[in-house]
N, C-alpha and C. Protein backbone atom coordinates (compact mmCIF):
# COMPACT_ATOMS: atom_id res chain seq x y z
N UNK A 1 -4.80 24.70 17.44
CA UNK A 1 -5.94 24.13 17.25
C UNK A 1 -7.12 24.40 18.46
N UNK A 2 -7.92 25.18 18.23
CA UNK A 2 -9.15 25.66 19.40
C UNK A 2 -9.64 24.29 19.44
N UNK A 3 -10.07 23.76 20.34
CA UNK A 3 -11.41 22.61 20.48
C UNK A 3 -10.57 21.18 19.81
N UNK A 4 -12.01 20.17 19.84
CA UNK A 4 -11.65 18.94 19.27
C UNK A 4 -11.83 18.90 17.70
N UNK A 5 -10.79 17.95 16.99
CA UNK A 5 -11.00 17.70 16.07
C UNK A 5 -11.79 16.44 15.72
N UNK A 6 -12.48 16.51 14.65
CA UNK A 6 -13.36 14.96 14.38
C UNK A 6 -14.61 14.94 14.50
N UNK A 7 -15.50 16.19 14.50
CA UNK A 7 -16.66 16.53 14.86
C UNK A 7 -17.45 16.59 13.67
N UNK A 8 -17.10 17.20 12.74
CA UNK A 8 -18.03 17.90 11.51
C UNK A 8 -17.55 17.14 10.19
N UNK A 9 -18.04 17.46 8.98
CA UNK A 9 -18.07 16.92 7.65
C UNK A 9 -16.81 17.25 7.30
N UNK A 10 -15.87 18.15 7.53
CA UNK A 10 -14.68 18.13 7.15
C UNK A 10 -13.30 18.03 8.35
N UNK A 11 -13.87 17.14 9.33
CA UNK A 11 -12.95 16.85 10.33
C UNK A 11 -12.92 15.46 10.59
N UNK A 12 -11.80 14.83 10.64
CA UNK A 12 -11.21 13.25 10.64
C UNK A 12 -10.46 12.81 11.66
N UNK A 13 -10.63 12.08 12.26
CA UNK A 13 -9.73 11.06 13.07
C UNK A 13 -9.36 9.60 12.83
N UNK A 14 -8.02 9.50 12.62
CA UNK A 14 -7.68 8.21 11.94
C UNK A 14 -6.47 7.90 12.70
N UNK A 15 -6.24 6.43 12.52
CA UNK A 15 -5.18 5.79 12.40
C UNK A 15 -4.32 5.56 11.30
N UNK A 16 -2.94 5.74 11.40
CA UNK A 16 -2.09 5.42 10.14
C UNK A 16 -0.80 5.18 10.58
N UNK A 17 0.08 4.63 9.56
CA UNK A 17 1.55 3.99 9.55
C UNK A 17 2.42 5.23 8.99
N UNK A 18 3.33 5.74 9.62
CA UNK A 18 4.48 6.47 8.70
C UNK A 18 5.15 5.99 7.84
N UNK A 19 5.21 6.54 6.49
CA UNK A 19 5.86 5.73 5.51
C UNK A 19 6.87 6.81 5.12
N UNK A 20 7.78 6.12 4.78
CA UNK A 20 9.11 7.26 3.78
C UNK A 20 9.06 6.95 2.33
N UNK A 21 9.16 8.29 1.78
CA UNK A 21 9.51 8.17 0.52
C UNK A 21 10.91 8.58 -0.07
N UNK A 22 11.54 7.93 -0.49
CA UNK A 22 12.97 8.32 -0.86
C UNK A 22 13.11 8.66 -2.15
N UNK A 23 13.31 10.04 -2.11
CA UNK A 23 13.66 11.02 -3.36
C UNK A 23 14.74 11.48 -3.51
N UNK A 24 15.32 12.82 -3.86
CA UNK A 24 16.26 13.43 -3.57
C UNK A 24 16.57 13.60 -2.08
N UNK A 25 15.51 13.87 -1.49
CA UNK A 25 15.71 13.78 0.45
C UNK A 25 14.74 12.77 0.78
N UNK A 26 14.82 12.54 1.90
CA UNK A 26 13.71 11.60 2.33
C UNK A 26 12.50 12.13 2.84
N UNK A 27 11.09 12.35 2.52
CA UNK A 27 10.00 12.56 2.85
C UNK A 27 9.24 11.51 3.69
N UNK A 28 8.65 12.09 4.76
CA UNK A 28 7.48 11.07 5.47
C UNK A 28 6.02 11.48 5.28
N UNK A 29 5.33 10.49 5.53
CA UNK A 29 3.70 10.73 5.05
C UNK A 29 3.02 9.78 5.82
N UNK A 30 1.66 10.04 6.32
CA UNK A 30 0.96 9.40 6.57
C UNK A 30 0.00 9.10 5.52
N UNK A 31 -0.60 7.95 4.84
CA UNK A 31 -1.68 7.79 4.32
C UNK A 31 -2.79 8.08 4.83
N UNK A 32 -3.70 8.80 3.84
CA UNK A 32 -5.12 8.74 4.61
C UNK A 32 -5.74 7.67 4.25
N UNK A 33 -6.30 7.09 5.15
CA UNK A 33 -7.58 5.72 4.85
C UNK A 33 -8.20 5.93 3.74
N UNK A 34 -8.85 5.06 3.13
CA UNK A 34 -9.58 5.12 2.01
C UNK A 34 -10.78 5.79 2.12
N UNK A 35 -11.64 5.48 3.31
CA UNK A 35 -13.05 5.87 3.72
C UNK A 35 -12.91 7.41 3.98
N UNK A 36 -12.03 7.96 4.73
CA UNK A 36 -11.87 9.37 4.88
C UNK A 36 -11.31 10.18 3.61
N UNK A 37 -10.48 9.39 2.83
CA UNK A 37 -10.08 9.81 1.46
C UNK A 37 -10.97 10.28 0.82
N UNK A 38 -12.25 9.15 0.78
CA UNK A 38 -13.13 9.50 -0.16
C UNK A 38 -14.17 10.65 0.50
N UNK A 39 -14.19 10.49 1.43
CA UNK A 39 -14.82 12.02 2.10
C UNK A 39 -14.40 13.40 2.02
N UNK A 40 -12.88 13.35 1.92
CA UNK A 40 -12.15 14.52 1.27
C UNK A 40 -12.02 14.57 0.33
N UNK A 41 -12.12 13.83 -0.89
CA UNK A 41 -12.43 13.92 -2.35
C UNK A 41 -13.77 14.76 -2.41
N UNK A 42 -15.01 14.56 -1.49
CA UNK A 42 -16.22 14.92 -1.72
C UNK A 42 -16.03 16.38 -1.41
N UNK A 43 -15.12 17.03 -0.84
CA UNK A 43 -14.94 18.66 -0.45
C UNK A 43 -13.99 18.90 -1.06
N UNK A 44 -13.44 17.95 -1.65
CA UNK A 44 -12.00 18.87 -2.34
C UNK A 44 -12.07 19.93 -3.08
N UNK A 45 -13.04 20.29 -3.88
CA UNK A 45 -13.18 21.45 -4.95
C UNK A 45 -13.55 22.90 -4.04
N UNK A 46 -14.11 22.60 -2.80
CA UNK A 46 -14.04 23.62 -1.68
C UNK A 46 -12.99 23.92 -0.89
N UNK A 47 -11.78 23.13 -1.35
CA UNK A 47 -10.66 23.33 -0.22
C UNK A 47 -9.52 23.65 -1.31
N UNK A 48 -9.18 23.16 -2.37
CA UNK A 48 -7.97 22.93 -3.11
C UNK A 48 -7.85 24.47 -3.36
N UNK A 49 -6.19 24.69 -3.71
CA UNK A 49 -5.94 25.84 -4.35
C UNK A 49 -5.31 25.51 -5.50
N UNK A 50 -5.15 24.44 -6.09
CA UNK A 50 -4.50 24.09 -7.10
C UNK A 50 -3.74 23.05 -6.90
N UNK A 51 -3.17 22.24 -8.19
CA UNK A 51 -2.73 20.96 -8.54
C UNK A 51 -3.13 19.74 -7.20
N UNK A 52 -4.35 20.02 -6.93
CA UNK A 52 -5.03 18.91 -6.26
C UNK A 52 -4.78 18.80 -4.80
N UNK A 53 -3.83 19.51 -4.24
CA UNK A 53 -3.51 19.64 -2.90
C UNK A 53 -4.35 20.05 -2.05
N UNK A 54 -4.63 19.66 -0.81
CA UNK A 54 -5.77 20.29 0.02
C UNK A 54 -5.23 20.53 1.21
N UNK A 55 -5.53 21.86 1.48
CA UNK A 55 -4.84 22.56 3.20
C UNK A 55 -5.63 21.63 4.04
N UNK A 56 -4.91 21.60 5.20
CA UNK A 56 -5.58 20.59 6.66
C UNK A 56 -4.79 21.35 7.60
N UNK A 57 -5.21 21.32 8.88
CA UNK A 57 -4.69 21.54 10.04
C UNK A 57 -4.76 20.06 10.95
N UNK A 58 -3.84 19.85 11.14
CA UNK A 58 -3.66 18.45 12.19
C UNK A 58 -3.20 18.52 13.29
N UNK A 59 -2.99 17.58 14.06
CA UNK A 59 -2.72 17.06 15.63
C UNK A 59 -2.14 15.63 15.45
N UNK A 60 -0.95 15.53 15.75
CA UNK A 60 -0.54 14.42 16.06
C UNK A 60 0.32 14.22 17.57
N UNK A 61 -0.26 13.40 18.14
CA UNK A 61 -0.02 13.58 19.79
C UNK A 61 0.05 15.42 20.30
N UNK A 62 0.91 15.68 20.96
CA UNK A 62 0.92 17.06 21.50
C UNK A 62 1.33 18.06 20.54
N UNK A 63 1.49 17.49 18.80
CA UNK A 63 1.86 18.47 18.04
C UNK A 63 0.88 18.93 17.08
N UNK A 64 0.48 20.38 16.78
CA UNK A 64 -0.45 20.77 16.00
C UNK A 64 0.55 21.46 14.90
N UNK A 65 -0.12 21.27 13.55
CA UNK A 65 0.56 21.81 12.38
C UNK A 65 -0.45 22.10 11.47
N UNK A 66 -0.28 22.82 10.50
CA UNK A 66 -0.88 23.14 9.09
C UNK A 66 0.03 22.76 8.21
N UNK A 67 -0.64 21.98 7.14
CA UNK A 67 0.29 21.28 6.00
C UNK A 67 -1.16 21.56 4.66
N UNK A 68 -0.73 20.53 3.60
CA UNK A 68 -1.33 20.09 2.53
C UNK A 68 -1.50 18.72 2.19
N UNK A 69 -2.32 18.11 2.21
CA UNK A 69 -2.69 16.78 1.75
C UNK A 69 -1.90 16.70 0.42
N UNK A 70 -1.43 15.87 -0.09
CA UNK A 70 -0.91 15.45 -1.64
C UNK A 70 -1.71 14.12 -2.23
N UNK A 71 -2.25 14.48 -3.17
CA UNK A 71 -3.03 13.68 -3.97
C UNK A 71 -2.04 12.51 -4.27
N UNK A 72 -2.46 11.21 -4.01
CA UNK A 72 -1.75 9.95 -4.56
C UNK A 72 -2.54 8.76 -4.98
N UNK A 73 -2.42 8.30 -6.15
CA UNK A 73 -3.34 7.01 -6.57
C UNK A 73 -4.59 6.84 -5.87
N UNK A 74 -5.35 8.09 -6.22
CA UNK A 74 -6.48 8.28 -5.81
C UNK A 74 -6.79 8.62 -4.20
N UNK A 75 -5.84 8.73 -3.40
CA UNK A 75 -6.08 8.79 -2.16
C UNK A 75 -5.36 10.28 -1.81
N UNK A 76 -4.83 10.05 -0.62
CA UNK A 76 -4.19 11.48 -0.02
C UNK A 76 -2.93 10.85 0.94
N UNK A 77 -1.95 11.95 1.19
CA UNK A 77 -0.87 11.75 1.94
C UNK A 77 -0.63 13.00 2.85
N UNK A 78 -0.61 12.56 4.10
CA UNK A 78 -0.10 13.61 4.79
C UNK A 78 1.42 13.78 5.14
N UNK A 79 1.65 15.05 4.78
CA UNK A 79 3.46 14.93 4.95
C UNK A 79 3.67 15.58 6.39
N UNK A 80 4.71 14.73 6.91
CA UNK A 80 5.37 14.95 8.21
C UNK A 80 6.25 15.80 8.00
N UNK A 81 6.79 16.92 8.57
CA UNK A 81 7.86 17.66 8.40
C UNK A 81 8.46 17.27 9.62
N UNK A 82 9.83 17.59 9.72
CA UNK A 82 10.63 17.32 10.97
C UNK A 82 10.31 18.20 11.98
N UNK A 83 9.55 19.43 11.91
CA UNK A 83 8.79 19.92 12.96
C UNK A 83 7.93 19.09 13.64
N UNK A 84 7.13 18.16 13.05
CA UNK A 84 6.41 17.28 13.76
C UNK A 84 6.72 16.09 14.04
N UNK A 85 7.62 15.40 13.26
CA UNK A 85 8.36 14.18 13.42
C UNK A 85 9.37 13.92 14.81
N UNK A 86 10.27 15.08 14.55
CA UNK A 86 11.13 14.96 16.08
C UNK A 86 10.66 15.36 17.35
N UNK A 87 9.64 16.02 17.62
CA UNK A 87 9.08 16.09 18.85
C UNK A 87 8.17 14.95 19.14
N UNK A 88 7.80 14.33 18.30
CA UNK A 88 6.76 12.96 18.59
C UNK A 88 7.58 11.85 18.44
N UNK A 89 8.85 11.96 18.00
CA UNK A 89 9.82 10.51 17.75
C UNK A 89 9.46 9.86 16.93
N UNK A 90 9.03 10.34 15.63
CA UNK A 90 8.01 9.36 14.70
C UNK A 90 9.31 9.07 13.65
N UNK A 91 9.08 8.04 13.03
CA UNK A 91 10.05 7.13 12.25
C UNK A 91 8.89 6.21 11.22
N UNK A 92 9.75 5.85 10.05
CA UNK A 92 9.17 4.98 9.13
C UNK A 92 8.61 4.09 10.15
N UNK A 93 7.26 3.54 9.57
CA UNK A 93 6.50 2.31 10.41
C UNK A 93 5.99 2.33 11.71
N UNK A 94 6.29 3.54 12.14
CA UNK A 94 5.52 3.94 13.46
C UNK A 94 3.80 4.06 13.11
N UNK A 95 3.14 3.59 14.10
CA UNK A 95 1.58 3.72 13.82
C UNK A 95 1.47 5.30 14.80
N UNK A 96 0.23 6.04 13.99
CA UNK A 96 0.22 7.36 14.67
C UNK A 96 -1.33 7.46 14.57
N UNK A 97 -1.92 8.32 15.72
CA UNK A 97 -3.24 8.75 15.66
C UNK A 97 -3.21 10.10 15.15
N UNK A 98 -4.11 10.28 14.18
CA UNK A 98 -4.39 11.80 13.48
C UNK A 98 -5.64 12.44 13.68
N UNK A 99 -5.44 13.58 14.05
CA UNK A 99 -6.68 14.36 14.24
C UNK A 99 -6.79 15.29 13.05
N UNK A 100 -7.44 15.76 12.00
CA UNK A 100 -7.01 16.51 10.96
C UNK A 100 -8.51 17.24 10.40
N UNK A 101 -8.49 18.72 9.97
CA UNK A 101 -9.46 19.35 9.64
C UNK A 101 -8.88 19.92 8.20
N UNK A 102 -10.05 19.68 7.37
CA UNK A 102 -9.71 20.21 6.02
C UNK A 102 -10.14 21.56 6.14
N UNK A 103 -9.26 22.73 5.68
CA UNK A 103 -9.58 24.03 5.38
C UNK A 103 -10.29 24.24 4.27
N UNK A 104 -11.57 24.73 4.63
CA UNK A 104 -11.75 25.21 3.56
C UNK A 104 -11.74 26.63 2.91
N UNK A 105 -11.61 26.95 1.72
CA UNK A 105 -11.98 28.22 1.33
C UNK A 105 -12.90 29.18 1.57
N UNK A 106 -12.88 30.06 1.82
CA UNK A 106 -13.81 31.28 2.23
C UNK A 106 -13.98 32.04 1.06
N UNK A 107 -15.48 32.09 1.13
CA UNK A 107 -16.12 32.66 -0.19
C UNK A 107 -15.96 34.17 -0.02
């Protein structure tokens, strides 16, 4: 990521707690807080490429990554792959600071 995230209409900085969803395999997420989720919903039509997922660029600690937010119960979940969790030593229940930018589609 070039520069700081968190300065524009599609850039967010928030704190959250890592949660685990147990399906066929465990998945880890950080729920996006309600206020930020509402702001993301306002630009979702300019970002989504289908199924309601929203492409983002994010940073937790020293790890930058790209993924897509999953819609859930009127909000969004930020998925945390092993490539993020392992170097940052994250587990379910850990509190994290997230810097995130919604990636808008280019016209």
